[in-house]
C-alpha cells in the first residue's frame, strides 16, 4: 500500500496529464501519459496510462521511480521505493 503523499503525486500527474517515465521494480521503463487510477481484476490499484493511442495499466506498487518529462511547477521526480 502506498503512503498518502505518494498518492498525492499520482493525483497531480493524472490531473495535469503529464507525460511520464516510470521505472518499475523489474527495471523496465515505461514512457506514457498519465490519465487516471483504477483497480484491476486482482483489486490492485493501477495507474492508467496512454501511449500512441494504447491504454496501459501499471500497478502502483510496482513503480520505483516516477519522472515527469516536461518542465512544470508541481513535480519532477518521485522515488516510491
Protein backbone atom coordinates (compact mmCIF):
# COMPACT_ATOMS: atom_id res chain seq x y z
CA UNK A 1 0.00 0.00 0.00
CA UNK A 2 1.29 3.45 -0.91
CA UNK A 3 1.67 6.27 1.55
CA UNK A 4 -0.71 9.22 1.21
CA UNK A 5 1.94 11.64 -0.01
CA UNK A 6 2.77 9.31 -2.91
CA UNK A 7 -0.90 9.13 -3.84
CA UNK A 8 -0.90 12.93 -3.98
CA UNK A 9 1.80 12.84 -6.67
CA UNK A 10 -0.19 10.28 -8.65
CA UNK A 11 -3.25 12.53 -8.49
CA UNK A 12 -1.23 15.54 -9.67
CA UNK A 13 0.24 13.75 -12.71
CA UNK A 14 -3.23 12.49 -13.65
CA UNK A 15 -4.89 15.89 -13.16
CA UNK A 16 -2.41 17.61 -15.48
CA UNK A 17 -1.99 14.58 -17.78
CA UNK A 18 1.75 14.78 -17.57
CA UNK A 19 3.97 12.64 -19.79
CA UNK A 20 5.97 10.30 -17.59
CA UNK A 21 8.87 7.94 -17.46
CA UNK A 22 8.14 5.24 -14.89
CA UNK A 23 10.82 2.87 -13.67
CA UNK A 24 9.33 -0.37 -12.41
CA UNK A 25 10.68 -2.82 -9.83
CA UNK A 26 11.65 -5.12 -12.72
CA UNK A 27 13.90 -2.39 -14.14
CA UNK A 28 11.58 -1.80 -17.09
CA UNK A 29 10.95 1.81 -18.07
CA UNK A 30 7.53 2.88 -19.31
CA UNK A 31 7.04 6.14 -21.24
CA UNK A 32 3.42 7.30 -21.40
CA UNK A 33 0.93 9.96 -20.33
CA UNK A 34 -0.91 9.67 -17.01
CA UNK A 35 -4.72 9.51 -17.23
CA UNK A 36 -6.32 8.10 -14.09
CA UNK A 37 -6.19 5.42 -11.41
CA UNK A 38 -8.33 2.30 -11.33
CA UNK A 39 -8.41 -1.14 -9.76
CA UNK A 40 -7.62 -4.18 -11.89
CA UNK A 41 -9.38 -7.54 -11.63
CA UNK A 42 -6.98 -8.57 -8.83
CA UNK A 43 -8.06 -5.45 -6.84
CA UNK A 44 -4.64 -3.83 -7.22
CA UNK A 45 -4.60 -0.06 -7.62
CA UNK A 46 -3.19 0.88 -11.02
CA UNK A 47 -2.07 3.99 -12.84
CA UNK A 48 -3.81 4.17 -16.21
CA UNK A 49 -1.52 5.46 -18.94
CA UNK A 50 -1.81 6.16 -22.64
CA UNK A 51 0.85 5.99 -25.33
CA UNK A 52 0.25 6.19 -29.08
CA UNK A 53 -3.47 5.60 -28.57
CA UNK A 54 -2.96 2.49 -26.46
CA UNK A 55 -4.05 2.27 -22.82
CA UNK A 56 -1.72 0.58 -20.34
CA UNK A 57 -2.26 -0.17 -16.65
CA UNK A 58 0.67 -0.20 -14.22
CA UNK A 59 0.25 -1.49 -10.67
CA UNK A 60 1.18 1.37 -8.32
CA UNK A 61 3.16 -0.92 -6.02
CA UNK A 62 5.41 -1.89 -8.98
CA UNK A 63 6.61 1.71 -9.50
CA UNK A 64 10.01 2.58 -8.03
CA UNK A 65 10.58 5.94 -9.73
CA UNK A 66 8.21 8.43 -11.37
CA UNK A 67 9.68 11.18 -13.55
CA UNK A 68 7.70 13.89 -15.32
CA UNK A 69 9.31 14.51 -18.71
CA UNK A 70 8.20 18.13 -19.18
CA UNK A 71 9.03 21.20 -17.09
CA UNK A 72 6.28 22.01 -14.59
CA UNK A 73 5.86 23.69 -11.19
CA UNK A 74 4.47 20.62 -9.40
CA UNK A 75 6.71 17.58 -9.56
CA UNK A 76 9.81 16.43 -11.41
CA UNK A 77 10.82 13.14 -9.80
CA UNK A 78 9.46 10.93 -7.01
CA UNK A 79 11.04 7.79 -5.56
CA UNK A 80 8.48 5.24 -4.47
CA UNK A 81 10.92 2.69 -3.01
